[in-house]
């Protein structure tokens, strides 16, 4: 997995959360519109797509965590920059 330089960890994960959020919306839609009693019908294609999307996120996250746990000598010149957000409240 390639981690772009100068990208914060939160930005990196946030970009990969979008497909997961879409998948959650799809599953909610299917539950709301295709449920009869305790049974929900969903096409096999949609279910496979949802599972694949979730698996990709988990794999990327596990690789990211694994790469973060390695010594910095193996990571090389690529680093995450600290995610600093400006304070909205006045200081002082």
PDB file of N, CA and C in Angstrom:
ATOM      1  N   UNK A   1       0.848  -1.168   0.000  1.00  0.00           N
ATOM      2  CA  UNK A   1       0.000   0.000   0.000  1.00  0.00           C
ATOM      3  C   UNK A   1       0.891   1.228   0.000  1.00  0.00           C
ATOM      4  N   UNK A   2       0.580   2.171  -0.830  1.00  0.00           N
ATOM      5  CA  UNK A   2       1.376   3.386  -0.946  1.00  0.00           C
ATOM      6  C   UNK A   2       0.712   4.490  -0.134  1.00  0.00           C
ATOM      7  N   UNK A   3       1.467   5.063   0.768  1.00  0.00           N
ATOM      8  CA  UNK A   3       0.978   6.170   1.582  1.00  0.00           C
ATOM      9  C   UNK A   3       1.537   7.453   0.986  1.00  0.00           C
ATOM     10  N   UNK A   4       0.657   8.330   0.483  1.00  0.00           N
ATOM     11  CA  UNK A   4       1.169   9.583  -0.086  1.00  0.00           C
ATOM     12  C   UNK A   4       1.915  10.402   0.958  1.00  0.00           C
ATOM     13  N   UNK A   5       2.972  11.061   0.515  1.00  0.00           N
ATOM     14  CA  UNK A   5       3.721  11.914   1.426  1.00  0.00           C
ATOM     15  C   UNK A   5       2.869  13.094   1.854  1.00  0.00           C
ATOM     16  N   UNK A   6       3.140  13.614   3.028  1.00  0.00           N
ATOM     17  CA  UNK A   6       2.478  14.802   3.570  1.00  0.00           C
ATOM     18  C   UNK A   6       0.972  14.615   3.746  1.00  0.00           C
ATOM     19  N   UNK A   7       0.507  13.384   3.955  1.00  0.00           N
ATOM     20  CA  UNK A   7      -0.908  13.147   4.208  1.00  0.00           C
ATOM     21  C   UNK A   7      -1.044  12.678   5.656  1.00  0.00           C
ATOM     22  N   UNK A   8      -1.950  13.287   6.383  1.00  0.00           N
ATOM     23  CA  UNK A   8      -2.122  12.903   7.778  1.00  0.00           C
ATOM     24  C   UNK A   8      -2.828  11.561   7.858  1.00  0.00           C
ATOM     25  N   UNK A   9      -2.649  10.893   8.969  1.00  0.00           N
ATOM     26  CA  UNK A   9      -3.286   9.600   9.187  1.00  0.00           C
ATOM     27  C   UNK A   9      -4.799   9.734   9.114  1.00  0.00           C
ATOM     28  N   UNK A  10      -5.353  10.786   9.714  1.00  0.00           N
ATOM     29  CA  UNK A  10      -6.813  10.957   9.691  1.00  0.00           C
ATOM     30  C   UNK A  10      -7.315  11.182   8.266  1.00  0.00           C
ATOM     31  N   UNK A  11      -6.579  11.920   7.433  1.00  0.00           N
ATOM     32  CA  UNK A  11      -6.986  12.111   6.038  1.00  0.00           C
ATOM     33  C   UNK A  11      -6.922  10.800   5.269  1.00  0.00           C
ATOM     34  N   UNK A  12      -5.876  10.037   5.517  1.00  0.00           N
ATOM     35  CA  UNK A  12      -5.692   8.764   4.832  1.00  0.00           C
ATOM     36  C   UNK A  12      -6.855   7.817   5.124  1.00  0.00           C
ATOM     37  N   UNK A  13      -7.230   7.700   6.389  1.00  0.00           N
ATOM     38  CA  UNK A  13      -8.333   6.816   6.779  1.00  0.00           C
ATOM     39  C   UNK A  13      -9.662   7.392   6.315  1.00  0.00           C
ATOM     40  N   UNK A  14      -9.833   8.704   6.426  1.00  0.00           N
ATOM     41  CA  UNK A  14     -11.084   9.346   6.040  1.00  0.00           C
ATOM     42  C   UNK A  14     -11.419   9.095   4.575  1.00  0.00           C
ATOM     43  N   UNK A  15     -10.423   9.148   3.707  1.00  0.00           N
ATOM     44  CA  UNK A  15     -10.661   8.900   2.282  1.00  0.00           C
ATOM     45  C   UNK A  15     -11.148   7.487   2.037  1.00  0.00           C
ATOM     46  N   UNK A  16     -10.722   6.559   2.873  1.00  0.00           N
ATOM     47  CA  UNK A  16     -11.136   5.175   2.699  1.00  0.00           C
ATOM     48  C   UNK A  16     -12.451   4.858   3.408  1.00  0.00           C
ATOM     49  N   UNK A  17     -12.930   5.769   4.219  1.00  0.00           N
ATOM     50  CA  UNK A  17     -14.207   5.568   4.897  1.00  0.00           C
ATOM     51  C   UNK A  17     -15.397   5.829   3.982  1.00  0.00           C
ATOM     52  N   UNK A  18     -15.229   6.647   2.965  1.00  0.00           N
ATOM     53  CA  UNK A  18     -16.349   7.001   2.096  1.00  0.00           C
ATOM     54  C   UNK A  18     -17.053   5.771   1.508  1.00  0.00           C
ATOM     55  N   UNK A  19     -16.337   4.806   0.902  1.00  0.00           N
ATOM     56  CA  UNK A  19     -17.028   3.624   0.378  1.00  0.00           C
ATOM     57  C   UNK A  19     -17.737   2.817   1.467  1.00  0.00           C
ATOM     58  N   UNK A  20     -17.193   2.820   2.677  1.00  0.00           N
ATOM     59  CA  UNK A  20     -17.835   2.114   3.787  1.00  0.00           C
ATOM     60  C   UNK A  20     -19.157   2.799   4.147  1.00  0.00           C
ATOM     61  N   UNK A  21     -19.147   4.132   4.166  1.00  0.00           N
ATOM     62  CA  UNK A  21     -20.375   4.873   4.461  1.00  0.00           C
ATOM     63  C   UNK A  21     -21.439   4.639   3.387  1.00  0.00           C
ATOM     64  N   UNK A  22     -21.021   4.565   2.131  1.00  0.00           N
ATOM     65  CA  UNK A  22     -21.955   4.278   1.043  1.00  0.00           C
ATOM     66  C   UNK A  22     -22.538   2.878   1.216  1.00  0.00           C
ATOM     67  N   UNK A  23     -21.703   1.943   1.599  1.00  0.00           N
ATOM     68  CA  UNK A  23     -22.165   0.570   1.821  1.00  0.00           C
ATOM     69  C   UNK A  23     -23.178   0.508   2.961  1.00  0.00           C
ATOM     70  N   UNK A  24     -22.926   1.241   4.026  1.00  0.00           N
ATOM     71  CA  UNK A  24     -23.874   1.288   5.146  1.00  0.00           C
ATOM     72  C   UNK A  24     -25.212   1.859   4.681  1.00  0.00           C
ATOM     73  N   UNK A  25     -25.166   2.912   3.875  1.00  0.00           N
ATOM     74  CA  UNK A  25     -26.406   3.493   3.345  1.00  0.00           C
ATOM     75  C   UNK A  25     -27.158   2.491   2.475  1.00  0.00           C
ATOM     76  N   UNK A  26     -26.431   1.750   1.655  1.00  0.00           N
ATOM     77  CA  UNK A  26     -27.049   0.719   0.825  1.00  0.00           C
ATOM     78  C   UNK A  26     -27.736  -0.336   1.682  1.00  0.00           C
ATOM     79  N   UNK A  27     -27.042  -0.810   2.714  1.00  0.00           N
ATOM     80  CA  UNK A  27     -27.623  -1.836   3.583  1.00  0.00           C
ATOM     81  C   UNK A  27     -28.860  -1.313   4.315  1.00  0.00           C
ATOM     82  N   UNK A  28     -28.814  -0.063   4.778  1.00  0.00           N
ATOM     83  CA  UNK A  28     -29.994   0.530   5.430  1.00  0.00           C
ATOM     84  C   UNK A  28     -31.162   0.630   4.461  1.00  0.00           C
ATOM     85  N   UNK A  29     -30.860   1.035   3.223  1.00  0.00           N
ATOM     86  CA  UNK A  29     -31.899   1.128   2.201  1.00  0.00           C
ATOM     87  C   UNK A  29     -32.539  -0.234   1.963  1.00  0.00           C
ATOM     88  N   UNK A  30     -31.701  -1.243   1.825  1.00  0.00           N
ATOM     89  CA  UNK A  30     -32.222  -2.597   1.594  1.00  0.00           C
ATOM     90  C   UNK A  30     -33.066  -3.071   2.778  1.00  0.00           C
ATOM     91  N   UNK A  31     -32.615  -2.782   3.993  1.00  0.00           N
ATOM     92  CA  UNK A  31     -33.383  -3.169   5.176  1.00  0.00           C
ATOM     93  C   UNK A  31     -34.733  -2.462   5.231  1.00  0.00           C
ATOM     94  N   UNK A  32     -34.746  -1.184   4.905  1.00  0.00           N
ATOM     95  CA  UNK A  32     -35.990  -0.411   4.969  1.00  0.00           C
ATOM     96  C   UNK A  32     -36.974  -0.758   3.865  1.00  0.00           C
ATOM     97  N   UNK A  33     -36.478  -1.138   2.692  1.00  0.00           N
ATOM     98  CA  UNK A  33     -37.359  -1.315   1.537  1.00  0.00           C
ATOM     99  C   UNK A  33     -37.601  -2.762   1.122  1.00  0.00           C
ATOM    100  N   UNK A  34     -36.842  -3.679   1.655  1.00  0.00           N
ATOM    101  CA  UNK A  34     -36.979  -5.068   1.211  1.00  0.00           C
ATOM    102  C   UNK A  34     -37.133  -6.048   2.368  1.00  0.00           C
ATOM    103  N   UNK A  35     -37.695  -5.568   3.466  1.00  0.00           N
ATOM    104  CA  UNK A  35     -37.905  -6.423   4.635  1.00  0.00           C
ATOM    105  C   UNK A  35     -39.374  -6.776   4.753  1.00  0.00           C
ATOM    106  N   UNK A  36     -39.624  -8.067   4.926  1.00  0.00           N
ATOM    107  CA  UNK A  36     -40.980  -8.571   5.162  1.00  0.00           C
ATOM    108  C   UNK A  36     -40.919  -9.383   6.449  1.00  0.00           C
ATOM    109  N   UNK A  37     -41.438  -8.811   7.533  1.00  0.00           N
ATOM    110  CA  UNK A  37     -41.337  -9.467   8.836  1.00  0.00           C
ATOM    111  C   UNK A  37     -39.901  -9.461   9.304  1.00  0.00           C
ATOM    112  N   UNK A  38     -39.364 -10.644   9.529  1.00  0.00           N
ATOM    113  CA  UNK A  38     -37.977 -10.777   9.980  1.00  0.00           C
ATOM    114  C   UNK A  38     -37.020 -11.140   8.843  1.00  0.00           C
ATOM    115  N   UNK A  39     -37.519 -11.156   7.602  1.00  0.00           N
ATOM    116  CA  UNK A  39     -36.707 -11.572   6.463  1.00  0.00           C
ATOM    117  C   UNK A  39     -36.455 -10.377   5.552  1.00  0.00           C
ATOM    118  N   UNK A  40     -35.190 -10.184   5.210  1.00  0.00           N
ATOM    119  CA  UNK A  40     -34.810  -9.135   4.262  1.00  0.00           C
ATOM    120  C   UNK A  40     -34.230  -9.806   3.032  1.00  0.00           C
ATOM    121  N   UNK A  41     -34.756  -9.448   1.865  1.00  0.00           N
ATOM    122  CA  UNK A  41     -34.232  -9.989   0.618  1.00  0.00           C
ATOM    123  C   UNK A  41     -33.283  -8.989  -0.014  1.00  0.00           C
ATOM    124  N   UNK A  42     -32.147  -9.516  -0.476  1.00  0.00           N
ATOM    125  CA  UNK A  42     -31.138  -8.677  -1.112  1.00  0.00           C
ATOM    126  C   UNK A  42     -30.464  -9.506  -2.195  1.00  0.00           C
ATOM    127  N   UNK A  43     -30.187  -8.887  -3.337  1.00  0.00           N
ATOM    128  CA  UNK A  43     -29.550  -9.646  -4.412  1.00  0.00           C
ATOM    129  C   UNK A  43     -28.152 -10.090  -3.982  1.00  0.00           C
ATOM    130  N   UNK A  44     -27.761 -11.224  -4.495  1.00  0.00           N
ATOM    131  CA  UNK A  44     -26.441 -11.761  -4.172  1.00  0.00           C
ATOM    132  C   UNK A  44     -25.342 -10.807  -4.651  1.00  0.00           C
ATOM    133  N   UNK A  45     -25.555 -10.177  -5.798  1.00  0.00           N
ATOM    134  CA  UNK A  45     -24.577  -9.235  -6.343  1.00  0.00           C
ATOM    135  C   UNK A  45     -24.357  -8.061  -5.388  1.00  0.00           C
ATOM    136  N   UNK A  46     -25.439  -7.457  -4.874  1.00  0.00           N
ATOM    137  CA  UNK A  46     -25.310  -6.333  -3.944  1.00  0.00           C
ATOM    138  C   UNK A  46     -24.628  -6.761  -2.648  1.00  0.00           C
ATOM    139  N   UNK A  47     -24.988  -7.925  -2.149  1.00  0.00           N
ATOM    140  CA  UNK A  47     -24.389  -8.413  -0.909  1.00  0.00           C
ATOM    141  C   UNK A  47     -22.901  -8.686  -1.096  1.00  0.00           C
ATOM    142  N   UNK A  48     -22.525  -9.302  -2.208  1.00  0.00           N
ATOM    143  CA  UNK A  48     -21.102  -9.541  -2.493  1.00  0.00           C
ATOM    144  C   UNK A  48     -20.334  -8.227  -2.607  1.00  0.00           C
ATOM    145  N   UNK A  49     -20.944  -7.234  -3.242  1.00  0.00           N
ATOM    146  CA  UNK A  49     -20.308  -5.930  -3.376  1.00  0.00           C
ATOM    147  C   UNK A  49     -20.094  -5.273  -2.013  1.00  0.00           C
ATOM    148  N   UNK A  50     -21.101  -5.354  -1.147  1.00  0.00           N
ATOM    149  CA  UNK A  50     -20.984  -4.782   0.196  1.00  0.00           C
ATOM    150  C   UNK A  50     -19.876  -5.467   0.991  1.00  0.00           C
ATOM    151  N   UNK A  51     -19.823  -6.783   0.928  1.00  0.00           N
ATOM    152  CA  UNK A  51     -18.795  -7.530   1.653  1.00  0.00           C
ATOM    153  C   UNK A  51     -17.401  -7.178   1.114  1.00  0.00           C
ATOM    154  N   UNK A  52     -17.262  -7.090  -0.200  1.00  0.00           N
ATOM    155  CA  UNK A  52     -15.963  -6.743  -0.799  1.00  0.00           C
ATOM    156  C   UNK A  52     -15.493  -5.359  -0.363  1.00  0.00           C
ATOM    157  N   UNK A  53     -16.415  -4.397  -0.327  1.00  0.00           N
ATOM    158  CA  UNK A  53     -16.068  -3.043   0.093  1.00  0.00           C
ATOM    159  C   UNK A  53     -15.558  -3.030   1.524  1.00  0.00           C
ATOM    160  N   UNK A  54     -16.247  -3.742   2.404  1.00  0.00           N
ATOM    161  CA  UNK A  54     -15.826  -3.799   3.805  1.00  0.00           C
ATOM    162  C   UNK A  54     -14.489  -4.530   3.955  1.00  0.00           C
ATOM    163  N   UNK A  55     -14.294  -5.602   3.187  1.00  0.00           N
ATOM    164  CA  UNK A  55     -13.029  -6.330   3.244  1.00  0.00           C
ATOM    165  C   UNK A  55     -11.855  -5.456   2.797  1.00  0.00           C
ATOM    166  N   UNK A  56     -12.058  -4.664   1.748  1.00  0.00           N
ATOM    167  CA  UNK A  56     -10.990  -3.785   1.270  1.00  0.00           C
ATOM    168  C   UNK A  56     -10.591  -2.764   2.329  1.00  0.00           C
ATOM    169  N   UNK A  57     -11.585  -2.194   3.011  1.00  0.00           N
ATOM    170  CA  UNK A  57     -11.273  -1.229   4.062  1.00  0.00           C
ATOM    171  C   UNK A  57     -10.474  -1.898   5.183  1.00  0.00           C
ATOM    172  N   UNK A  58     -10.918  -3.074   5.604  1.00  0.00           N
ATOM    173  CA  UNK A  58     -10.236  -3.781   6.690  1.00  0.00           C
ATOM    174  C   UNK A  58      -8.805  -4.129   6.280  1.00  0.00           C
ATOM    175  N   UNK A  59      -8.609  -4.612   5.053  1.00  0.00           N
ATOM    176  CA  UNK A  59      -7.262  -4.940   4.579  1.00  0.00           C
ATOM    177  C   UNK A  59      -6.361  -3.708   4.556  1.00  0.00           C
ATOM    178  N   UNK A  60      -6.877  -2.593   4.016  1.00  0.00           N
ATOM    179  CA  UNK A  60      -6.079  -1.365   3.989  1.00  0.00           C
ATOM    180  C   UNK A  60      -5.718  -0.908   5.390  1.00  0.00           C
ATOM    181  N   UNK A  61      -6.674  -0.977   6.295  1.00  0.00           N
ATOM    182  CA  UNK A  61      -6.432  -0.540   7.667  1.00  0.00           C
ATOM    183  C   UNK A  61      -5.395  -1.439   8.345  1.00  0.00           C
ATOM    184  N   UNK A  62      -5.524  -2.746   8.162  1.00  0.00           N
ATOM    185  CA  UNK A  62      -4.569  -3.666   8.777  1.00  0.00           C
ATOM    186  C   UNK A  62      -3.164  -3.454   8.215  1.00  0.00           C
ATOM    187  N   UNK A  63      -3.050  -3.186   6.910  1.00  0.00           N
ATOM    188  CA  UNK A  63      -1.745  -2.902   6.318  1.00  0.00           C
ATOM    189  C   UNK A  63      -1.176  -1.614   6.884  1.00  0.00           C
ATOM    190  N   UNK A  64      -2.035  -0.612   7.037  1.00  0.00           N
ATOM    191  CA  UNK A  64      -1.590   0.670   7.580  1.00  0.00           C
ATOM    192  C   UNK A  64      -1.079   0.506   9.002  1.00  0.00           C
ATOM    193  N   UNK A  65      -1.807  -0.220   9.822  1.00  0.00           N
ATOM    194  CA  UNK A  65      -1.397  -0.446  11.203  1.00  0.00           C
ATOM    195  C   UNK A  65      -0.117  -1.275  11.238  1.00  0.00           C
ATOM    196  N   UNK A  66      -0.020  -2.270  10.368  1.00  0.00           N
ATOM    197  CA  UNK A  66       1.187  -3.089  10.300  1.00  0.00           C
ATOM    198  C   UNK A  66       2.392  -2.273   9.886  1.00  0.00           C
ATOM    199  N   UNK A  67       2.199  -1.360   8.939  1.00  0.00           N
ATOM    200  CA  UNK A  67       3.303  -0.508   8.479  1.00  0.00           C
ATOM    201  C   UNK A  67       3.708   0.474   9.566  1.00  0.00           C
ATOM    202  N   UNK A  68       2.752   0.935  10.354  1.00  0.00           N
ATOM    203  CA  UNK A  68       3.052   1.881  11.431  1.00  0.00           C
ATOM    204  C   UNK A  68       3.821   1.208  12.559  1.00  0.00           C
ATOM    205  N   UNK A  69       3.625  -0.097  12.729  1.00  0.00           N
ATOM    206  CA  UNK A  69       4.273  -0.813  13.819  1.00  0.00           C
ATOM    207  C   UNK A  69       5.716  -1.180  13.497  1.00  0.00           C
ATOM    208  N   UNK A  70       6.101  -1.133  12.208  1.00  0.00           N
ATOM    209  CA  UNK A  70       7.461  -1.486  11.823  1.00  0.00           C
ATOM    210  C   UNK A  70       8.428  -0.383  12.246  1.00  0.00           C
ATOM    211  N   UNK A  71       9.683  -0.727  12.433  1.00  0.00           N
ATOM    212  CA  UNK A  71      10.680   0.298  12.765  1.00  0.00           C
ATOM    213  C   UNK A  71      10.762   1.347  11.656  1.00  0.00           C
ATOM    214  N   UNK A  72      11.100   2.560  12.034  1.00  0.00           N
ATOM    215  CA  UNK A  72      11.123   3.659  11.078  1.00  0.00           C
ATOM    216  C   UNK A  72      12.166   3.461   9.979  1.00  0.00           C
ATOM    217  N   UNK A  73      13.177   2.654  10.215  1.00  0.00           N
ATOM    218  CA  UNK A  73      14.201   2.419   9.195  1.00  0.00           C
ATOM    219  C   UNK A  73      13.613   1.716   7.981  1.00  0.00           C
ATOM    220  N   UNK A  74      12.604   0.846   8.173  1.00  0.00           N
ATOM    221  CA  UNK A  74      12.011   0.141   7.043  1.00  0.00           C
ATOM    222  C   UNK A  74      10.960   0.979   6.343  1.00  0.00           C
ATOM    223  N   UNK A  75      10.403   1.943   7.040  1.00  0.00           N
ATOM    224  CA  UNK A  75       9.386   2.792   6.435  1.00  0.00           C
ATOM    225  C   UNK A  75      10.024   3.743   5.438  1.00  0.00           C
ATOM    226  N   UNK A  76      11.222   4.199   5.714  1.00  0.00           N
ATOM    227  CA  UNK A  76      11.928   5.061   4.785  1.00  0.00           C
ATOM    228  C   UNK A  76      11.501   6.509   4.897  1.00  0.00           C
ATOM    229  N   UNK A  77      11.497   7.182   3.741  1.00  0.00           N
ATOM    230  CA  UNK A  77      11.248   8.614   3.752  1.00  0.00           C
ATOM    231  C   UNK A  77       9.776   8.989   3.863  1.00  0.00           C
ATOM    232  N   UNK A  78       8.856   8.056   3.760  1.00  0.00           N
ATOM    233  CA  UNK A  78       7.431   8.372   3.844  1.00  0.00           C
ATOM    234  C   UNK A  78       6.995   8.430   5.296  1.00  0.00           C
ATOM    235  N   UNK A  79       6.371   9.541   5.653  1.00  0.00           N
ATOM    236  CA  UNK A  79       5.904   9.733   7.018  1.00  0.00           C
ATOM    237  C   UNK A  79       4.534  10.394   6.991  1.00  0.00           C
ATOM    238  N   UNK A  80       3.775  10.188   8.041  1.00  0.00           N
ATOM    239  CA  UNK A  80       2.528  10.920   8.215  1.00  0.00           C
ATOM    240  C   UNK A  80       2.854  12.238   8.894  1.00  0.00           C
ATOM    241  N   UNK A  81       2.204  13.279   8.453  1.00  0.00           N
ATOM    242  CA  UNK A  81       2.368  14.552   9.137  1.00  0.00           C
ATOM    243  C   UNK A  81       1.317  14.632  10.227  1.00  0.00           C
ATOM    244  N   UNK A  82       1.630  15.372  11.257  1.00  0.00           N
ATOM    245  CA  UNK A  82       0.693  15.509  12.361  1.00  0.00           C
ATOM    246  C   UNK A  82      -0.517  16.296  11.895  1.00  0.00           C
ATOM    247  N   UNK A  83      -1.706  15.810  12.246  1.00  0.00           N
ATOM    248  CA  UNK A  83      -2.958  16.459  11.864  1.00  0.00           C
ATOM    249  C   UNK A  83      -3.286  17.526  12.890  1.00  0.00           C
ATOM    250  N   UNK A  84      -3.010  18.775  12.554  1.00  0.00           N
ATOM    251  CA  UNK A  84      -3.229  19.881  13.469  1.00  0.00           C
ATOM    252  C   UNK A  84      -4.403  20.684  12.966  1.00  0.00           C
ATOM    253  N   UNK A  85      -5.419  20.848  13.811  1.00  0.00           N
ATOM    254  CA  UNK A  85      -6.588  21.633  13.445  1.00  0.00           C
ATOM    255  C   UNK A  85      -6.582  22.915  14.266  1.00  0.00           C
ATOM    256  N   UNK A  86      -6.848  24.050  13.644  1.00  0.00           N
ATOM    257  CA  UNK A  86      -6.834  25.310  14.397  1.00  0.00           C
ATOM    258  C   UNK A  86      -7.974  25.341  15.411  1.00  0.00           C
ATOM    259  N   UNK A  87      -7.694  25.957  16.524  1.00  0.00           N
ATOM    260  CA  UNK A  87      -8.691  26.075  17.579  1.00  0.00           C
ATOM    261  C   UNK A  87      -9.719  27.131  17.187  1.00  0.00           C
ATOM    262  N   UNK A  88     -10.985  26.836  17.443  1.00  0.00           N
ATOM    263  CA  UNK A  88     -12.054  27.779  17.148  1.00  0.00           C
ATOM    264  C   UNK A  88     -12.283  28.748  18.296  1.00  0.00           C
ATOM    265  N   UNK A  89     -11.794  28.395  19.461  1.00  0.00           N
ATOM    266  CA  UNK A  89     -11.957  29.245  20.627  1.00  0.00           C
ATOM    267  C   UNK A  89     -10.741  30.145  20.804  1.00  0.00           C
ATOM    268  N   UNK A  90     -10.957  31.386  21.169  1.00  0.00           N
ATOM    269  CA  UNK A  90      -9.801  32.272  21.380  1.00  0.00           C
ATOM    270  C   UNK A  90      -8.978  31.803  22.581  1.00  0.00           C
ATOM    271  N   UNK A  91      -7.691  31.912  22.446  1.00  0.00           N
ATOM    272  CA  UNK A  91      -6.802  31.508  23.553  1.00  0.00           C
ATOM    273  C   UNK A  91      -6.372  32.735  24.317  1.00  0.00           C
ATOM    274  N   UNK A  92      -6.226  32.547  25.615  1.00  0.00           N
ATOM    275  CA  UNK A  92      -5.676  33.631  26.416  1.00  0.00           C
ATOM    276  C   UNK A  92      -6.641  34.413  27.190  1.00  0.00           C
TER     277      UNK A  92
END
